[in-house]
PDB file of N, CA and C in Angstrom:
ATOM      1  N   MET A   1     135.216  57.870  83.934  1.00  0.00           N
ATOM      2  CA  MET A   1     135.365  58.631  85.437  1.00  0.00           C
ATOM      3  C   MET A   1     136.314  57.815  86.309  1.00  0.00           C
ATOM      4  N   LEU A   2     137.611  58.624  86.600  1.00  0.00           N
ATOM      5  CA  LEU A   2     137.891  57.689  87.933  1.00  0.00           C
ATOM      6  C   LEU A   2     137.941  59.074  89.019  1.00  0.00           C
ATOM      7  N   ASN A   3     137.760  57.910  90.114  1.00  0.00           N
ATOM      8  CA  ASN A   3     136.602  58.866  91.325  1.00  0.00           C
ATOM      9  C   ASN A   3     137.862  58.098  92.714  1.00  0.00           C
ATOM     10  N   VAL A   4     137.475  59.539  93.824  1.00  0.00           N
ATOM     11  CA  VAL A   4     138.088  59.364  94.930  1.00  0.00           C
ATOM     12  C   VAL A   4     137.241  58.605  96.215  1.00  0.00           C
ATOM     13  N   VAL A   5     136.802  57.630  96.199  1.00  0.00           N
ATOM     14  CA  VAL A   5     136.171  57.435  97.704  1.00  0.00           C
ATOM     15  C   VAL A   5     136.177  58.349  99.035  1.00  0.00           C
ATOM     16  N   GLU A   6     135.934  58.406  99.911  1.00  0.00           N
ATOM     17  CA  GLU A   6     136.106  58.471 101.596  1.00  0.00           C
ATOM     18  C   GLU A   6     135.118  57.140 101.762  1.00  0.00           C
ATOM     19  N   THR A   7     135.825  56.340 102.252  1.00  0.00           N
ATOM     20  CA  THR A   7     134.816  54.470 101.828  1.00  0.00           C
ATOM     21  C   THR A   7     133.936  54.842 103.283  1.00  0.00           C
ATOM     22  N   ALA A   8     134.034  55.249 104.296  1.00  0.00           N
ATOM     23  CA  ALA A   8     133.119  55.451 105.630  1.00  0.00           C
ATOM     24  C   ALA A   8     131.787  56.113 105.505  1.00  0.00           C
ATOM     25  N   SER A   9     132.068  56.909 105.062  1.00  0.00           N
ATOM     26  CA  SER A   9     131.198  58.309 104.348  1.00  0.00           C
ATOM     27  C   SER A   9     130.821  57.368 102.766  1.00  0.00           C
ATOM     28  N   LYS A  10     131.350  57.310 102.456  1.00  0.00           N
ATOM     29  CA  LYS A  10     130.827  57.177 100.625  1.00  0.00           C
ATOM     30  C   LYS A  10     130.881  57.473  99.873  1.00  0.00           C
ATOM     31  N   ILE A  11     131.451  59.053 100.003  1.00  0.00           N
ATOM     32  CA  ILE A  11     131.088  60.413  99.777  1.00  0.00           C
ATOM     33  C   ILE A  11     132.878  60.425  98.523  1.00  0.00           C
ATOM     34  N   VAL A  12     132.118  60.887  97.659  1.00  0.00           N
ATOM     35  CA  VAL A  12     133.245  60.602  96.298  1.00  0.00           C
ATOM     36  C   VAL A  12     134.146  62.694  96.701  1.00  0.00           C
ATOM     37  N   ILE A  13     135.092  62.369  96.809  1.00  0.00           N
ATOM     38  CA  ILE A  13     136.338  63.540  97.618  1.00  0.00           C
ATOM     39  C   ILE A  13     136.537  64.976  96.716  1.00  0.00           C
ATOM     40  N   ALA A  14     136.989  63.249  95.489  1.00  0.00           N
ATOM     41  CA  ALA A  14     137.602  64.357  93.958  1.00  0.00           C
ATOM     42  C   ALA A  14     137.233  63.359  92.990  1.00  0.00           C
ATOM     43  N   HIS A  15     137.782  63.655  91.590  1.00  0.00           N
ATOM     44  CA  HIS A  15     137.335  62.603  90.469  1.00  0.00           C
ATOM     45  C   HIS A  15     138.025  63.375  89.666  1.00  0.00           C
ATOM     46  N   ARG A  16     138.514  62.025  88.333  1.00  0.00           N
ATOM     47  CA  ARG A  16     138.910  63.226  86.920  1.00  0.00           C
ATOM     48  C   ARG A  16     138.330  62.271  85.965  1.00  0.00           C
ATOM     49  N   GLU A  17     137.811  63.213  85.144  1.00  0.00           N
ATOM     50  CA  GLU A  17     137.061  62.361  83.923  1.00  0.00           C
ATOM     51  C   GLU A  17     138.260  62.014  82.956  1.00  0.00           C
ATOM     52  N   LEU A  18     137.605  61.026  82.616  1.00  0.00           N
ATOM     53  CA  LEU A  18     138.694  60.303  81.605  1.00  0.00           C
ATOM     54  C   LEU A  18     137.972  59.632  80.114  1.00  0.00           C
ATOM     55  N   GLY A  19     138.361  60.455  78.900  1.00  0.00           N
ATOM     56  CA  GLY A  19     137.964  60.679  77.717  1.00  0.00           C
ATOM     57  C   GLY A  19     138.551  59.803  76.787  1.00  0.00           C
ATOM     58  N   ALA A  20     137.442  59.647  75.957  1.00  0.00           N
ATOM     59  CA  ALA A  20     137.876  58.419  75.068  1.00  0.00           C
ATOM     60  C   ALA A  20     139.322  57.398  75.382  1.00  0.00           C
ATOM     61  N   LYS A  21     140.745  58.611  75.323  1.00  0.00           N
ATOM     62  CA  LYS A  21     142.295  58.767  74.853  1.00  0.00           C
ATOM     63  C   LYS A  21     142.233  58.876  75.855  1.00  0.00           C
ATOM     64  N   LYS A  22     141.902  59.393  76.782  1.00  0.00           N
ATOM     65  CA  LYS A  22     142.636  58.846  78.056  1.00  0.00           C
ATOM     66  C   LYS A  22     142.652  58.039  78.869  1.00  0.00           C
ATOM     67  N   SER A  23     144.106  57.181  79.522  1.00  0.00           N
ATOM     68  CA  SER A  23     144.537  56.156  80.067  1.00  0.00           C
ATOM     69  C   SER A  23     144.540  56.927  81.780  1.00  0.00           C
ATOM     70  N   GLU A  24     143.911  55.775  82.346  1.00  0.00           N
ATOM     71  CA  GLU A  24     143.315  55.417  83.572  1.00  0.00           C
ATOM     72  C   GLU A  24     145.119  56.155  84.584  1.00  0.00           C
ATOM     73  N   ILE A  25     145.638  55.387  84.417  1.00  0.00           N
ATOM     74  CA  ILE A  25     147.132  55.871  85.007  1.00  0.00           C
ATOM     75  C   ILE A  25     147.579  57.166  85.353  1.00  0.00           C
ATOM     76  N   PRO A  26     148.129  57.714  84.544  1.00  0.00           N
ATOM     77  CA  PRO A  26     148.521  59.017  84.661  1.00  0.00           C
ATOM     78  C   PRO A  26     147.057  60.146  85.031  1.00  0.00           C
ATOM     79  N   GLU A  27     145.740  59.814  85.449  1.00  0.00           N
ATOM     80  CA  GLU A  27     144.912  60.772  85.935  1.00  0.00           C
ATOM     81  C   GLU A  27     144.810  59.829  87.332  1.00  0.00           C
ATOM     82  N   PHE A  28     145.386  58.538  87.134  1.00  0.00           N
ATOM     83  CA  PHE A  28     145.285  58.255  88.689  1.00  0.00           C
ATOM     84  C   PHE A  28     146.795  59.204  89.267  1.00  0.00           C
ATOM     85  N   GLN A  29     148.196  59.024  88.947  1.00  0.00           N
ATOM     86  CA  GLN A  29     148.970  59.230  89.397  1.00  0.00           C
ATOM     87  C   GLN A  29     148.309  61.016  89.790  1.00  0.00           C
ATOM     88  N   LYS A  30     147.955  61.470  89.180  1.00  0.00           N
ATOM     89  CA  LYS A  30     147.930  63.001  89.136  1.00  0.00           C
ATOM     90  C   LYS A  30     146.720  62.776  90.555  1.00  0.00           C
ATOM     91  N   VAL A  31     145.915  62.158  90.428  1.00  0.00           N
ATOM     92  CA  VAL A  31     145.046  62.099  91.729  1.00  0.00           C
ATOM     93  C   VAL A  31     146.243  61.702  93.440  1.00  0.00           C
ATOM     94  N   LEU A  32     146.822  61.553  93.359  1.00  0.00           N
ATOM     95  CA  LEU A  32     148.099  61.065  93.849  1.00  0.00           C
ATOM     96  C   LEU A  32     148.851  62.272  94.663  1.00  0.00           C
ATOM     97  N   GLU A  33     149.314  63.122  93.037  1.00  0.00           N
ATOM     98  CA  GLU A  33     149.881  64.548  94.218  1.00  0.00           C
ATOM     99  C   GLU A  33     148.294  65.529  94.856  1.00  0.00           C
ATOM    100  N   MET A  34     147.155  65.044  94.994  1.00  0.00           N
ATOM    101  CA  MET A  34     146.287  66.205  95.734  1.00  0.00           C
ATOM    102  C   MET A  34     146.868  65.259  96.894  1.00  0.00           C
ATOM    103  N   GLU A  35     146.161  66.320  98.377  1.00  0.00           N
ATOM    104  CA  GLU A  35     145.847  66.651  99.730  1.00  0.00           C
ATOM    105  C   GLU A  35     144.699  66.009 100.158  1.00  0.00           C
ATOM    106  N   PHE A  36     144.330  65.592 100.526  1.00  0.00           N
ATOM    107  CA  PHE A  36     142.899  64.653 100.994  1.00  0.00           C
ATOM    108  C   PHE A  36     142.655  64.745 102.086  1.00  0.00           C
ATOM    109  N   SER A  37     144.132  64.595 102.816  1.00  0.00           N
ATOM    110  CA  SER A  37     143.604  65.103 104.756  1.00  0.00           C
ATOM    111  C   SER A  37     145.491  65.004 104.827  1.00  0.00           C
ATOM    112  N   ASP A  38     145.080  65.445 106.341  1.00  0.00           N
ATOM    113  CA  ASP A  38     146.646  65.456 107.022  1.00  0.00           C
ATOM    114  C   ASP A  38     146.457  64.213 108.329  1.00  0.00           C
ATOM    115  N   LYS A  39     144.987  63.471 108.413  1.00  0.00           N
ATOM    116  CA  LYS A  39     145.413  62.651 109.549  1.00  0.00           C
ATOM    117  C   LYS A  39     145.648  61.218 108.383  1.00  0.00           C
ATOM    118  N   PRO A  40     146.101  60.400 108.689  1.00  0.00           N
ATOM    119  CA  PRO A  40     146.213  58.764 108.699  1.00  0.00           C
ATOM    120  C   PRO A  40     145.020  58.889 107.548  1.00  0.00           C
ATOM    121  N   PHE A  41     145.535  57.931 105.793  1.00  0.00           N
ATOM    122  CA  PHE A  41     144.410  57.506 105.608  1.00  0.00           C
ATOM    123  C   PHE A  41     145.545  56.014 104.419  1.00  0.00           C
ATOM    124  N   LEU A  42     144.689  55.194 104.071  1.00  0.00           N
ATOM    125  CA  LEU A  42     144.635  54.185 103.331  1.00  0.00           C
ATOM    126  C   LEU A  42     144.180  54.417 102.111  1.00  0.00           C
ATOM    127  N   TYR A  43     145.579  54.493 100.833  1.00  0.00           N
ATOM    128  CA  TYR A  43     145.211  54.324  99.734  1.00  0.00           C
ATOM    129  C   TYR A  43     144.151  53.075  98.615  1.00  0.00           C
ATOM    130  N   THR A  44     143.844  52.504  98.839  1.00  0.00           N
ATOM    131  CA  THR A  44     143.631  51.480  98.007  1.00  0.00           C
ATOM    132  C   THR A  44     143.144  51.286  96.624  1.00  0.00           C
ATOM    133  N   PHE A  45     143.622  50.779  95.694  1.00  0.00           N
ATOM    134  CA  PHE A  45     143.169  50.685  93.884  1.00  0.00           C
ATOM    135  C   PHE A  45     142.938  49.104  93.706  1.00  0.00           C
ATOM    136  N   ASP A  46     142.860  48.744  92.127  1.00  0.00           N
ATOM    137  CA  ASP A  46     143.285  47.331  91.449  1.00  0.00           C
ATOM    138  C   ASP A  46     144.351  47.414  91.155  1.00  0.00           C
ATOM    139  N   ALA A  47     144.390  46.599  90.286  1.00  0.00           N
ATOM    140  CA  ALA A  47     146.452  45.476  89.540  1.00  0.00           C
ATOM    141  C   ALA A  47     146.615  46.562  88.739  1.00  0.00           C
ATOM    142  N   LEU A  48     145.039  47.922  88.082  1.00  0.00           N
ATOM    143  CA  LEU A  48     145.822  48.186  87.029  1.00  0.00           C
ATOM    144  C   LEU A  48     146.082  50.088  87.046  1.00  0.00           C
ATOM    145  N   ASN A  49     146.404  49.845  88.091  1.00  0.00           N
ATOM    146  CA  ASN A  49     146.986  51.015  88.868  1.00  0.00           C
ATOM    147  C   ASN A  49     148.230  50.947  90.199  1.00  0.00           C
ATOM    148  N   THR A  50     149.196  49.957  90.056  1.00  0.00           N
ATOM    149  CA  THR A  50     149.694  49.016  90.574  1.00  0.00           C
ATOM    150  C   THR A  50     151.206  49.769  89.648  1.00  0.00           C
ATOM    151  N   GLN A  51     151.320  50.657  90.361  1.00  0.00           N
ATOM    152  CA  GLN A  51     152.525  50.992  89.002  1.00  0.00           C
ATOM    153  C   GLN A  51     153.499  51.486  90.207  1.00  0.00           C
ATOM    154  N   VAL A  52     155.018  51.302  89.702  1.00  0.00           N
ATOM    155  CA  VAL A  52     156.151  51.991  90.014  1.00  0.00           C
ATOM    156  C   VAL A  52     155.763  53.228  90.526  1.00  0.00           C
ATOM    157  N   GLU A  53     155.879  54.071  89.937  1.00  0.00           N
ATOM    158  CA  GLU A  53     155.778  55.773  90.129  1.00  0.00           C
ATOM    159  C   GLU A  53     154.576  55.932  91.383  1.00  0.00           C
ATOM    160  N   SER A  54     153.253  55.736  91.007  1.00  0.00           N
ATOM    161  CA  SER A  54     152.639  55.403  91.600  1.00  0.00           C
ATOM    162  C   SER A  54     152.812  54.910  92.811  1.00  0.00           C
ATOM    163  N   LEU A  55     153.240  54.090  93.490  1.00  0.00           N
ATOM    164  CA  LEU A  55     153.383  53.390  94.263  1.00  0.00           C
ATOM    165  C   LEU A  55     154.966  54.427  95.219  1.00  0.00           C
ATOM    166  N   ASN A  56     155.630  54.846  94.658  1.00  0.00           N
ATOM    167  CA  ASN A  56     156.783  55.197  95.299  1.00  0.00           C
ATOM    168  C   ASN A  56     156.190  56.784  95.202  1.00  0.00           C
ATOM    169  N   GLY A  57     155.316  57.422  94.666  1.00  0.00           N
ATOM    170  CA  GLY A  57     154.945  58.942  95.115  1.00  0.00           C
ATOM    171  C   GLY A  57     154.008  58.351  96.382  1.00  0.00           C
ATOM    172  N   ILE A  58     153.491  57.492  96.545  1.00  0.00           N
ATOM    173  CA  ILE A  58     152.854  57.172  97.701  1.00  0.00           C
ATOM    174  C   ILE A  58     153.104  57.379  98.636  1.00  0.00           C
ATOM    175  N   GLU A  59     154.922  56.571  98.408  1.00  0.00           N
ATOM    176  CA  GLU A  59     156.124  56.236  99.790  1.00  0.00           C
ATOM    177  C   GLU A  59     156.699  57.503 100.287  1.00  0.00           C
ATOM    178  N   ALA A  60     156.768  58.264  99.392  1.00  0.00           N
ATOM    179  CA  ALA A  60     157.450  59.434  99.088  1.00  0.00           C
ATOM    180  C   ALA A  60     156.835  60.227 100.011  1.00  0.00           C
ATOM    181  N   LYS A  61     155.462  60.520 100.048  1.00  0.00           N
ATOM    182  CA  LYS A  61     154.303  61.060 101.250  1.00  0.00           C
ATOM    183  C   LYS A  61     154.381  60.741 102.151  1.00  0.00           C
ATOM    184  N   GLY A  62     155.130  59.690 102.741  1.00  0.00           N
ATOM    185  CA  GLY A  62     154.696  59.316 104.261  1.00  0.00           C
ATOM    186  C   GLY A  62     153.113  58.295 104.159  1.00  0.00           C
ATOM    187  N   LYS A  63     152.644  58.198 103.190  1.00  0.00           N
ATOM    188  CA  LYS A  63     151.513  57.316 103.034  1.00  0.00           C
ATOM    189  C   LYS A  63     151.213  56.214 102.940  1.00  0.00           C
ATOM    190  N   ARG A  64     150.278  55.060 103.133  1.00  0.00           N
ATOM    191  CA  ARG A  64     150.320  53.991 103.295  1.00  0.00           C
ATOM    192  C   ARG A  64     148.976  53.026 101.890  1.00  0.00           C
ATOM    193  N   TYR A  65     149.429  52.459 101.456  1.00  0.00           N
ATOM    194  CA  TYR A  65     148.296  51.919 100.877  1.00  0.00           C
ATOM    195  C   TYR A  65     148.371  50.578 100.600  1.00  0.00           C
ATOM    196  N   LEU A  66     147.106  50.537 100.106  1.00  0.00           N
ATOM    197  CA  LEU A  66     147.042  48.396  99.426  1.00  0.00           C
ATOM    198  C   LEU A  66     146.393  47.936  98.518  1.00  0.00           C
ATOM    199  N   ALA A  67     147.005  47.773  97.899  1.00  0.00           N
ATOM    200  CA  ALA A  67     147.215  47.313  96.116  1.00  0.00           C
ATOM    201  C   ALA A  67     147.139  46.230  96.095  1.00  0.00           C
ATOM    202  N   LYS A  68     146.043  45.958  95.040  1.00  0.00           N
ATOM    203  CA  LYS A  68     146.047  44.574  94.301  1.00  0.00           C
ATOM    204  C   LYS A  68     146.932  43.967  92.910  1.00  0.00           C
ATOM    205  N   VAL A  69     147.242  42.469  93.151  1.00  0.00           N
ATOM    206  CA  VAL A  69     148.487  42.800  93.067  1.00  0.00           C
ATOM    207  C   VAL A  69     147.878  40.989  91.282  1.00  0.00           C
ATOM    208  N   LYS A  70     147.875  41.280  90.363  1.00  0.00           N
ATOM    209  CA  LYS A  70     148.352  40.219  89.298  1.00  0.00           C
ATOM    210  C   LYS A  70     149.624  39.505  89.739  1.00  0.00           C
ATOM    211  N   GLY A  71     149.064  38.471  89.000  1.00  0.00           N
ATOM    212  CA  GLY A  71     149.778  37.279  88.847  1.00  0.00           C
ATOM    213  C   GLY A  71     150.946  37.568  88.582  1.00  0.00           C
ATOM    214  N   ASN A  72     151.252  38.826  87.533  1.00  0.00           N
ATOM    215  CA  ASN A  72     151.906  39.093  86.279  1.00  0.00           C
ATOM    216  C   ASN A  72     153.136  40.316  87.055  1.00  0.00           C
ATOM    217  N   GLN A  73     152.242  40.290  88.214  1.00  0.00           N
ATOM    218  CA  GLN A  73     153.466  41.185  89.214  1.00  0.00           C
ATOM    219  C   GLN A  73     154.229  41.260  90.265  1.00  0.00           C
ATOM    220  N   LYS A  74     154.572  40.046  90.003  1.00  0.00           N
ATOM    221  CA  LYS A  74     154.914  39.369  91.597  1.00  0.00           C
ATOM    222  C   LYS A  74     156.237  39.826  92.102  1.00  0.00           C
ATOM    223  N   HIS A  75     156.802  41.237  91.135  1.00  0.00           N
ATOM    224  CA  HIS A  75     157.750  41.952  91.712  1.00  0.00           C
ATOM    225  C   HIS A  75     157.211  43.012  92.909  1.00  0.00           C
ATOM    226  N   TYR A  76     155.920  43.059  93.306  1.00  0.00           N
ATOM    227  CA  TYR A  76     155.536  44.188  93.644  1.00  0.00           C
ATOM    228  C   TYR A  76     155.324  43.623  95.265  1.00  0.00           C
ATOM    229  N   LEU A  77     155.175  42.063  95.045  1.00  0.00           N
ATOM    230  CA  LEU A  77     154.712  41.324  96.778  1.00  0.00           C
ATOM    231  C   LEU A  77     156.007  41.805  97.609  1.00  0.00           C
ATOM    232  N   ASN A  78     156.917  42.055  97.396  1.00  0.00           N
ATOM    233  CA  ASN A  78     157.838  42.006  98.301  1.00  0.00           C
ATOM    234  C   ASN A  78     157.942  43.494  98.474  1.00  0.00           C
ATOM    235  N   ARG A  79     156.892  44.333  98.134  1.00  0.00           N
ATOM    236  CA  ARG A  79     157.360  45.591  98.769  1.00  0.00           C
ATOM    237  C   ARG A  79     156.634  46.397  99.441  1.00  0.00           C
TER     238      ARG A  79
END
């Protein structure tokens, strides 16, 4: 299960079920296409979802993100 949580209230505002053969990455990108609020907010996610397509999609919407980066993802440090 991939959940989108509003951290202040700890309420799950969206979720995507991941079957045995589904990858989390494309499901996460589908979640990014959803509109949650017209107010400013910050996406946060782990290193698995730190993908160029995801980051570009967030930036194209004028939104902000805080992404966890692993040692083998050094090219993301300058974004």
